[in-house]
Amino acid sequence: MTVAHRPSMEAVLLACAYAMSRRSTCPNLQVGVVIALDLRIMSTGYNGAPRGLQHCTHPSRVDVPDQPPCVTTVHAEANAVAFAAREGINLGGATVFGTHSPCRTCAQLLVGTGVVRYVALDRYHDGSGIDVLEAAKIEFEVRRTPVADLLGM
């Protein structure tokens, strides 16, 4: 690979968010995030049961469309913020790279951390989180590029 074909750091961080989503234990939607400051990873998260508790056991919403929303899983953004808080990592000024835009509650949580930007590979079905980010003047964008394209594969 030549230097000219090297992926950008933002592409690498989006690919890392996708890789984190593969750790998700919830069958409804696998979400991953990476929170970075100056393109350096500060925290990561994926959605799943709280630490030490049993993983989600419900069927996928794809298999059972009337399945109610999962009440077991903690969202990827909340897990990333919890890790940062536990480790004393300040997220002010950071950018979130995620597989999906945040839900309303996670967007509200992120506003409180002082993040300034959110880059997503796709939109979550409920756009109210984007409304919260925009109201808080947090830059938001969607990059609907396949991960392989982001890394030049």
N, C-alpha and C. Protein backbone atom coordinates (compact mmCIF):
# COMPACT_ATOMS: atom_id res chain seq x y z
N MET A 1 0.85 -1.17 0.00
CA MET A 1 0.00 0.00 0.00
C MET A 1 0.89 1.23 0.00
N THR A 2 0.51 2.20 -0.80
CA THR A 2 1.25 3.45 -0.83
C THR A 2 0.64 4.43 0.16
N VAL A 3 1.41 5.43 0.49
CA VAL A 3 0.92 6.45 1.42
C VAL A 3 -0.34 7.12 0.85
N ALA A 4 -0.40 7.28 -0.47
CA ALA A 4 -1.55 7.92 -1.09
C ALA A 4 -2.83 7.10 -0.91
N HIS A 5 -2.71 5.79 -0.71
CA HIS A 5 -3.87 4.92 -0.58
C HIS A 5 -4.20 4.59 0.88
N ARG A 6 -3.48 5.19 1.77
CA ARG A 6 -3.72 4.97 3.20
C ARG A 6 -5.06 5.54 3.60
N PRO A 7 -5.87 4.81 4.41
CA PRO A 7 -7.16 5.36 4.84
C PRO A 7 -6.95 6.53 5.82
N SER A 8 -7.89 7.44 5.81
CA SER A 8 -7.82 8.56 6.75
C SER A 8 -8.04 8.02 8.17
N MET A 9 -7.63 8.78 9.15
CA MET A 9 -7.85 8.37 10.54
C MET A 9 -9.34 8.31 10.86
N GLU A 10 -10.13 9.20 10.28
CA GLU A 10 -11.58 9.13 10.51
C GLU A 10 -12.16 7.84 9.95
N ALA A 11 -11.66 7.40 8.79
CA ALA A 11 -12.11 6.13 8.23
C ALA A 11 -11.72 4.97 9.15
N VAL A 12 -10.53 5.03 9.68
CA VAL A 12 -10.07 3.98 10.60
C VAL A 12 -10.93 3.97 11.86
N LEU A 13 -11.26 5.14 12.39
CA LEU A 13 -12.08 5.20 13.61
C LEU A 13 -13.50 4.70 13.35
N LEU A 14 -14.06 4.98 12.18
CA LEU A 14 -15.37 4.42 11.83
C LEU A 14 -15.28 2.89 11.70
N ALA A 15 -14.21 2.40 11.12
CA ALA A 15 -14.02 0.96 11.02
C ALA A 15 -13.86 0.33 12.41
N CYS A 16 -13.20 1.04 13.32
CA CYS A 16 -13.08 0.55 14.70
C CYS A 16 -14.45 0.49 15.37
N ALA A 17 -15.29 1.48 15.11
CA ALA A 17 -16.64 1.46 15.68
C ALA A 17 -17.41 0.25 15.16
N TYR A 18 -17.26 -0.02 13.88
CA TYR A 18 -17.91 -1.20 13.30
C TYR A 18 -17.36 -2.47 13.97
N ALA A 19 -16.06 -2.55 14.15
CA ALA A 19 -15.46 -3.72 14.80
C ALA A 19 -16.00 -3.88 16.22
N MET A 20 -16.16 -2.77 16.94
CA MET A 20 -16.71 -2.83 18.30
C MET A 20 -18.14 -3.35 18.27
N SER A 21 -18.90 -3.01 17.24
CA SER A 21 -20.30 -3.46 17.16
C SER A 21 -20.40 -4.98 17.06
N ARG A 22 -19.36 -5.62 16.57
CA ARG A 22 -19.37 -7.07 16.43
C ARG A 22 -19.32 -7.76 17.81
N ARG A 23 -19.01 -7.02 18.87
CA ARG A 23 -18.98 -7.55 20.23
C ARG A 23 -20.36 -7.49 20.88
N SER A 24 -21.31 -6.81 20.27
CA SER A 24 -22.64 -6.65 20.83
C SER A 24 -23.30 -7.99 21.12
N THR A 25 -24.05 -8.02 22.22
CA THR A 25 -24.74 -9.26 22.60
C THR A 25 -26.25 -9.15 22.43
N CYS A 26 -26.74 -8.05 21.89
CA CYS A 26 -28.18 -7.87 21.69
C CYS A 26 -28.55 -8.25 20.26
N PRO A 27 -29.52 -9.15 20.08
CA PRO A 27 -29.88 -9.57 18.72
C PRO A 27 -30.66 -8.52 17.92
N ASN A 28 -31.14 -7.46 18.56
CA ASN A 28 -31.94 -6.47 17.82
C ASN A 28 -31.09 -5.62 16.89
N LEU A 29 -30.00 -5.07 17.39
CA LEU A 29 -29.15 -4.19 16.59
C LEU A 29 -27.78 -4.16 17.24
N GLN A 30 -26.76 -4.36 16.44
CA GLN A 30 -25.40 -4.33 16.96
C GLN A 30 -24.83 -2.93 16.69
N VAL A 31 -24.49 -2.25 17.77
CA VAL A 31 -24.01 -0.87 17.69
C VAL A 31 -22.65 -0.78 18.37
N GLY A 32 -21.75 -0.04 17.75
CA GLY A 32 -20.44 0.21 18.34
C GLY A 32 -20.07 1.67 18.21
N VAL A 33 -19.31 2.17 19.17
CA VAL A 33 -18.82 3.54 19.10
C VAL A 33 -17.37 3.61 19.54
N VAL A 34 -16.70 4.62 19.01
CA VAL A 34 -15.36 4.98 19.43
C VAL A 34 -15.42 6.47 19.70
N ILE A 35 -14.92 6.90 20.85
CA ILE A 35 -14.86 8.33 21.16
C ILE A 35 -13.40 8.73 21.10
N ALA A 36 -13.12 9.73 20.27
CA ALA A 36 -11.74 10.12 20.02
C ALA A 36 -11.55 11.62 20.22
N LEU A 37 -10.39 11.97 20.69
CA LEU A 37 -9.99 13.37 20.83
C LEU A 37 -8.71 13.55 20.03
N ASP A 38 -8.70 14.50 19.13
CA ASP A 38 -7.56 14.71 18.24
C ASP A 38 -7.17 13.42 17.53
N LEU A 39 -8.20 12.65 17.11
CA LEU A 39 -8.06 11.40 16.37
C LEU A 39 -7.35 10.30 17.16
N ARG A 40 -7.35 10.42 18.48
CA ARG A 40 -6.81 9.38 19.37
C ARG A 40 -7.96 8.81 20.17
N ILE A 41 -8.02 7.49 20.25
CA ILE A 41 -9.14 6.83 20.94
C ILE A 41 -9.07 7.08 22.44
N MET A 42 -10.19 7.59 22.98
CA MET A 42 -10.32 7.85 24.41
C MET A 42 -11.15 6.75 25.09
N SER A 43 -12.18 6.26 24.37
CA SER A 43 -13.07 5.26 24.93
C SER A 43 -13.80 4.55 23.80
N THR A 44 -14.25 3.33 24.09
CA THR A 44 -15.02 2.56 23.12
C THR A 44 -16.22 1.94 23.84
N GLY A 45 -17.21 1.53 23.07
CA GLY A 45 -18.36 0.86 23.67
C GLY A 45 -19.16 0.12 22.63
N TYR A 46 -19.91 -0.85 23.09
CA TYR A 46 -20.86 -1.57 22.25
C TYR A 46 -22.06 -1.88 23.10
N ASN A 47 -23.20 -2.16 22.46
CA ASN A 47 -24.41 -2.39 23.25
C ASN A 47 -24.46 -3.84 23.73
N GLY A 48 -24.89 -3.99 24.96
CA GLY A 48 -24.99 -5.31 25.55
C GLY A 48 -25.42 -5.20 27.00
N ALA A 49 -25.60 -6.35 27.62
CA ALA A 49 -26.01 -6.40 29.02
C ALA A 49 -24.95 -5.72 29.90
N PRO A 50 -25.37 -5.16 31.02
CA PRO A 50 -24.40 -4.56 31.94
C PRO A 50 -23.34 -5.59 32.36
N ARG A 51 -22.18 -5.10 32.62
CA ARG A 51 -21.03 -5.91 33.03
C ARG A 51 -21.42 -6.95 34.08
N GLY A 52 -21.13 -8.20 33.79
CA GLY A 52 -21.36 -9.28 34.75
C GLY A 52 -22.77 -9.84 34.76
N LEU A 53 -23.70 -9.24 34.01
CA LEU A 53 -25.07 -9.74 33.98
C LEU A 53 -25.29 -10.59 32.74
N GLN A 54 -26.38 -11.35 32.75
CA GLN A 54 -26.71 -12.25 31.64
C GLN A 54 -26.98 -11.46 30.36
N HIS A 55 -26.50 -11.99 29.24
CA HIS A 55 -26.73 -11.36 27.94
C HIS A 55 -28.21 -11.42 27.58
N CYS A 56 -28.59 -10.60 26.60
CA CYS A 56 -29.96 -10.59 26.09
C CYS A 56 -30.33 -12.00 25.62
N THR A 57 -31.56 -12.41 25.91
CA THR A 57 -32.01 -13.74 25.51
C THR A 57 -33.24 -13.70 24.62
N HIS A 58 -33.73 -12.52 24.31
CA HIS A 58 -34.93 -12.39 23.48
C HIS A 58 -34.60 -12.63 22.01
N PRO A 59 -35.63 -12.97 21.22
CA PRO A 59 -35.39 -13.14 19.78
C PRO A 59 -35.16 -11.79 19.11
N SER A 60 -34.60 -11.85 17.93
CA SER A 60 -34.36 -10.64 17.15
C SER A 60 -35.68 -10.04 16.70
N ARG A 61 -35.73 -8.72 16.57
CA ARG A 61 -36.93 -8.06 16.04
C ARG A 61 -37.16 -8.41 14.58
N VAL A 62 -36.10 -8.83 13.90
CA VAL A 62 -36.25 -9.27 12.52
C VAL A 62 -37.06 -10.57 12.50
N ASP A 63 -36.77 -11.48 13.44
CA ASP A 63 -37.48 -12.76 13.53
C ASP A 63 -38.88 -12.60 14.10
N VAL A 64 -39.05 -11.67 15.06
CA VAL A 64 -40.34 -11.44 15.72
C VAL A 64 -40.61 -9.94 15.68
N PRO A 65 -41.26 -9.45 14.60
CA PRO A 65 -41.44 -8.00 14.41
C PRO A 65 -42.15 -7.28 15.56
N ASP A 66 -43.06 -7.96 16.27
CA ASP A 66 -43.77 -7.31 17.36
C ASP A 66 -43.01 -7.36 18.68
N GLN A 67 -41.78 -7.81 18.63
CA GLN A 67 -40.92 -7.90 19.82
C GLN A 67 -40.79 -6.50 20.44
N PRO A 68 -41.05 -6.36 21.73
CA PRO A 68 -40.88 -5.03 22.35
C PRO A 68 -39.40 -4.66 22.41
N PRO A 69 -39.10 -3.38 22.58
CA PRO A 69 -37.69 -2.97 22.67
C PRO A 69 -36.98 -3.70 23.80
N CYS A 70 -35.69 -3.91 23.61
CA CYS A 70 -34.87 -4.60 24.61
C CYS A 70 -34.73 -3.72 25.86
N VAL A 71 -34.91 -4.33 27.02
CA VAL A 71 -34.73 -3.60 28.27
C VAL A 71 -33.50 -4.09 29.03
N THR A 72 -32.77 -5.04 28.45
CA THR A 72 -31.58 -5.59 29.09
C THR A 72 -30.33 -4.82 28.71
N THR A 73 -30.22 -4.45 27.46
CA THR A 73 -28.97 -3.91 26.94
C THR A 73 -28.72 -2.46 27.37
N VAL A 74 -27.45 -2.16 27.57
CA VAL A 74 -26.98 -0.79 27.77
C VAL A 74 -26.44 -0.35 26.42
N HIS A 75 -26.79 0.84 25.98
CA HIS A 75 -26.38 1.30 24.66
C HIS A 75 -24.88 1.55 24.59
N ALA A 76 -24.35 1.47 23.37
CA ALA A 76 -22.91 1.62 23.14
C ALA A 76 -22.37 2.94 23.67
N GLU A 77 -23.10 4.03 23.41
CA GLU A 77 -22.64 5.35 23.86
C GLU A 77 -22.57 5.41 25.39
N ALA A 78 -23.59 4.86 26.06
CA ALA A 78 -23.60 4.86 27.52
C ALA A 78 -22.45 4.04 28.07
N ASN A 79 -22.16 2.90 27.45
CA ASN A 79 -21.03 2.08 27.90
C ASN A 79 -19.70 2.81 27.71
N ALA A 80 -19.55 3.52 26.59
CA ALA A 80 -18.32 4.27 26.36
C ALA A 80 -18.16 5.42 27.36
N VAL A 81 -19.26 6.11 27.64
CA VAL A 81 -19.21 7.21 28.61
C VAL A 81 -18.94 6.65 30.02
N ALA A 82 -19.56 5.52 30.36
CA ALA A 82 -19.33 4.92 31.68
C ALA A 82 -17.87 4.52 31.85
N PHE A 83 -17.28 3.94 30.81
CA PHE A 83 -15.85 3.57 30.90
C PHE A 83 -15.00 4.81 31.11
N ALA A 84 -15.27 5.85 30.33
CA ALA A 84 -14.48 7.08 30.46
C ALA A 84 -14.62 7.66 31.87
N ALA A 85 -15.83 7.66 32.41
CA ALA A 85 -16.04 8.18 33.76
C ALA A 85 -15.30 7.34 34.79
N ARG A 86 -15.37 6.03 34.63
CA ARG A 86 -14.70 5.12 35.57
C ARG A 86 -13.19 5.33 35.57
N GLU A 87 -12.65 5.65 34.40
CA GLU A 87 -11.20 5.83 34.26
C GLU A 87 -10.74 7.28 34.39
N GLY A 88 -11.68 8.20 34.62
CA GLY A 88 -11.33 9.61 34.77
C GLY A 88 -10.93 10.29 33.47
N ILE A 89 -11.52 9.86 32.37
CA ILE A 89 -11.19 10.41 31.06
C ILE A 89 -12.19 11.51 30.70
N ASN A 90 -11.68 12.71 30.46
CA ASN A 90 -12.51 13.84 30.08
C ASN A 90 -12.83 13.75 28.58
N LEU A 91 -14.10 13.76 28.23
CA LEU A 91 -14.52 13.64 26.83
C LEU A 91 -14.84 14.99 26.19
N GLY A 92 -14.62 16.07 26.91
CA GLY A 92 -14.88 17.40 26.35
C GLY A 92 -14.08 17.64 25.09
N GLY A 93 -14.75 18.10 24.03
CA GLY A 93 -14.10 18.39 22.77
C GLY A 93 -13.93 17.19 21.86
N ALA A 94 -14.39 16.03 22.28
CA ALA A 94 -14.18 14.79 21.53
C ALA A 94 -15.21 14.60 20.42
N THR A 95 -14.91 13.66 19.53
CA THR A 95 -15.81 13.25 18.46
C THR A 95 -16.20 11.80 18.70
N VAL A 96 -17.48 11.50 18.49
CA VAL A 96 -17.98 10.13 18.58
C VAL A 96 -18.08 9.58 17.17
N PHE A 97 -17.50 8.41 16.95
CA PHE A 97 -17.63 7.69 15.69
C PHE A 97 -18.47 6.47 15.99
N GLY A 98 -19.63 6.35 15.34
CA GLY A 98 -20.54 5.26 15.66
C GLY A 98 -21.10 4.57 14.44
N THR A 99 -21.58 3.36 14.65
CA THR A 99 -22.22 2.64 13.55
C THR A 99 -23.60 3.21 13.26
N HIS A 100 -24.25 3.79 14.26
CA HIS A 100 -25.59 4.36 14.11
C HIS A 100 -25.67 5.67 14.87
N SER A 101 -26.58 6.53 14.46
CA SER A 101 -26.81 7.76 15.22
C SER A 101 -27.38 7.37 16.59
N PRO A 102 -27.22 8.23 17.58
CA PRO A 102 -27.66 7.86 18.93
C PRO A 102 -29.17 7.99 19.13
N CYS A 103 -29.68 7.24 20.09
CA CYS A 103 -31.06 7.43 20.52
C CYS A 103 -31.13 8.76 21.29
N ARG A 104 -32.32 9.18 21.63
CA ARG A 104 -32.50 10.44 22.34
C ARG A 104 -31.76 10.45 23.68
N THR A 105 -31.90 9.39 24.47
CA THR A 105 -31.26 9.35 25.79
C THR A 105 -29.74 9.39 25.68
N CYS A 106 -29.18 8.65 24.75
CA CYS A 106 -27.72 8.67 24.58
C CYS A 106 -27.24 10.02 24.08
N ALA A 107 -28.01 10.65 23.19
CA ALA A 107 -27.64 11.98 22.72
C ALA A 107 -27.62 12.96 23.90
N GLN A 108 -28.62 12.88 24.77
CA GLN A 108 -28.65 13.74 25.95
C GLN A 108 -27.43 13.50 26.83
N LEU A 109 -27.08 12.24 27.01
CA LEU A 109 -25.89 11.89 27.80
C LEU A 109 -24.63 12.48 27.17
N LEU A 110 -24.51 12.36 25.86
CA LEU A 110 -23.33 12.88 25.17
C LEU A 110 -23.23 14.39 25.26
N VAL A 111 -24.37 15.08 25.21
CA VAL A 111 -24.36 16.54 25.36
C VAL A 111 -23.69 16.90 26.69
N GLY A 112 -24.03 16.17 27.73
CA GLY A 112 -23.47 16.44 29.05
C GLY A 112 -21.97 16.19 29.15
N THR A 113 -21.41 15.38 28.26
CA THR A 113 -19.97 15.09 28.32
C THR A 113 -19.14 16.17 27.65
N GLY A 114 -19.78 16.96 26.80
CA GLY A 114 -19.04 18.00 26.09
C GLY A 114 -18.48 17.57 24.74
N VAL A 115 -18.95 16.43 24.20
CA VAL A 115 -18.49 16.06 22.85
C VAL A 115 -18.98 17.12 21.88
N VAL A 116 -18.26 17.28 20.77
CA VAL A 116 -18.58 18.36 19.84
C VAL A 116 -19.01 17.86 18.47
N ARG A 117 -18.90 16.54 18.24
CA ARG A 117 -19.20 16.02 16.90
C ARG A 117 -19.58 14.55 17.00
N TYR A 118 -20.46 14.12 16.10
CA TYR A 118 -20.87 12.71 16.02
C TYR A 118 -20.88 12.32 14.54
N VAL A 119 -20.12 11.29 14.19
CA VAL A 119 -20.07 10.79 12.83
C VAL A 119 -20.60 9.36 12.85
N ALA A 120 -21.62 9.07 12.05
CA ALA A 120 -22.26 7.75 12.06
C ALA A 120 -22.21 7.11 10.68
N LEU A 121 -22.13 5.78 10.67
CA LEU A 121 -22.21 5.05 9.41
C LEU A 121 -23.65 4.98 8.91
N ASP A 122 -24.62 5.05 9.82
CA ASP A 122 -26.02 4.93 9.43
C ASP A 122 -26.88 5.64 10.48
N ARG A 123 -28.14 5.88 10.12
CA ARG A 123 -29.09 6.50 11.06
C ARG A 123 -29.85 5.42 11.83
N TYR A 124 -30.06 5.68 13.11
CA TYR A 124 -30.94 4.85 13.93
C TYR A 124 -32.37 5.16 13.50
N HIS A 125 -33.27 4.19 13.61
CA HIS A 125 -34.64 4.38 13.09
C HIS A 125 -35.37 5.55 13.72
N ASP A 126 -35.04 5.90 14.95
CA ASP A 126 -35.65 7.03 15.63
C ASP A 126 -34.68 8.21 15.55
N GLY A 127 -35.06 9.25 14.85
CA GLY A 127 -34.16 10.38 14.65
C GLY A 127 -34.14 11.41 15.75
N SER A 128 -34.81 11.15 16.87
CA SER A 128 -34.89 12.17 17.93
C SER A 128 -33.52 12.45 18.56
N GLY A 129 -32.61 11.49 18.52
CA GLY A 129 -31.27 11.73 19.05
C GLY A 129 -30.52 12.76 18.22
N ILE A 130 -30.72 12.72 16.93
CA ILE A 130 -30.10 13.71 16.04
C ILE A 130 -30.65 15.10 16.35
N ASP A 131 -31.95 15.18 16.62
CA ASP A 131 -32.56 16.46 16.99
C ASP A 131 -31.90 17.04 18.23
N VAL A 132 -31.63 16.18 19.22
CA VAL A 132 -30.97 16.63 20.46
C VAL A 132 -29.57 17.14 20.16
N LEU A 133 -28.81 16.39 19.37
CA LEU A 133 -27.45 16.82 19.02
C LEU A 133 -27.48 18.17 18.31
N GLU A 134 -28.36 18.31 17.35
CA GLU A 134 -28.43 19.56 16.60
C GLU A 134 -28.86 20.73 17.48
N ALA A 135 -29.81 20.49 18.40
CA ALA A 135 -30.24 21.55 19.32
C ALA A 135 -29.09 22.00 20.23
N ALA A 136 -28.20 21.06 20.53
CA ALA A 136 -27.05 21.36 21.40
C ALA A 136 -25.84 21.85 20.60
N LYS A 137 -26.04 22.06 19.30
CA LYS A 137 -24.97 22.55 18.41
C LYS A 137 -23.80 21.57 18.31
N ILE A 138 -24.12 20.27 18.40
CA ILE A 138 -23.11 19.23 18.19
C ILE A 138 -23.20 18.83 16.72
N GLU A 139 -22.09 18.96 16.02
CA GLU A 139 -22.05 18.63 14.60
C GLU A 139 -22.39 17.16 14.39
N PHE A 140 -23.24 16.87 13.43
CA PHE A 140 -23.64 15.49 13.14
C PHE A 140 -23.55 15.22 11.65
N GLU A 141 -23.01 14.06 11.29
CA GLU A 141 -22.99 13.67 9.89
C GLU A 141 -23.08 12.16 9.77
N VAL A 142 -23.64 11.73 8.64
CA VAL A 142 -23.72 10.30 8.32
C VAL A 142 -22.80 10.04 7.14
N ARG A 143 -22.00 9.01 7.26
CA ARG A 143 -21.16 8.56 6.16
C ARG A 143 -21.58 7.13 5.84
N ARG A 144 -22.43 6.98 4.86
CA ARG A 144 -22.98 5.66 4.51
C ARG A 144 -22.03 4.91 3.59
N THR A 145 -20.81 4.77 4.01
CA THR A 145 -19.80 4.08 3.23
C THR A 145 -19.55 2.71 3.83
N PRO A 146 -19.53 1.66 3.02
CA PRO A 146 -19.18 0.35 3.57
C PRO A 146 -17.80 0.40 4.23
N VAL A 147 -17.64 -0.33 5.30
CA VAL A 147 -16.39 -0.32 6.05
C VAL A 147 -15.22 -0.71 5.14
N ALA A 148 -15.42 -1.67 4.28
CA ALA A 148 -14.34 -2.07 3.37
C ALA A 148 -13.88 -0.89 2.52
N ASP A 149 -14.82 -0.05 2.07
CA ASP A 149 -14.46 1.13 1.30
C ASP A 149 -13.69 2.14 2.14
N LEU A 150 -14.09 2.27 3.42
CA LEU A 150 -13.40 3.21 4.30
C LEU A 150 -11.94 2.86 4.45
N LEU A 151 -11.64 1.57 4.47
CA LEU A 151 -10.27 1.11 4.65
C LEU A 151 -9.55 0.82 3.34
N GLY A 152 -10.24 1.07 2.22
CA GLY A 152 -9.62 0.85 0.92
C GLY A 152 -9.41 -0.62 0.62
N MET A 153 -10.28 -1.47 1.13
CA MET A 153 -10.14 -2.91 0.92
C MET A 153 -10.84 -3.35 -0.36
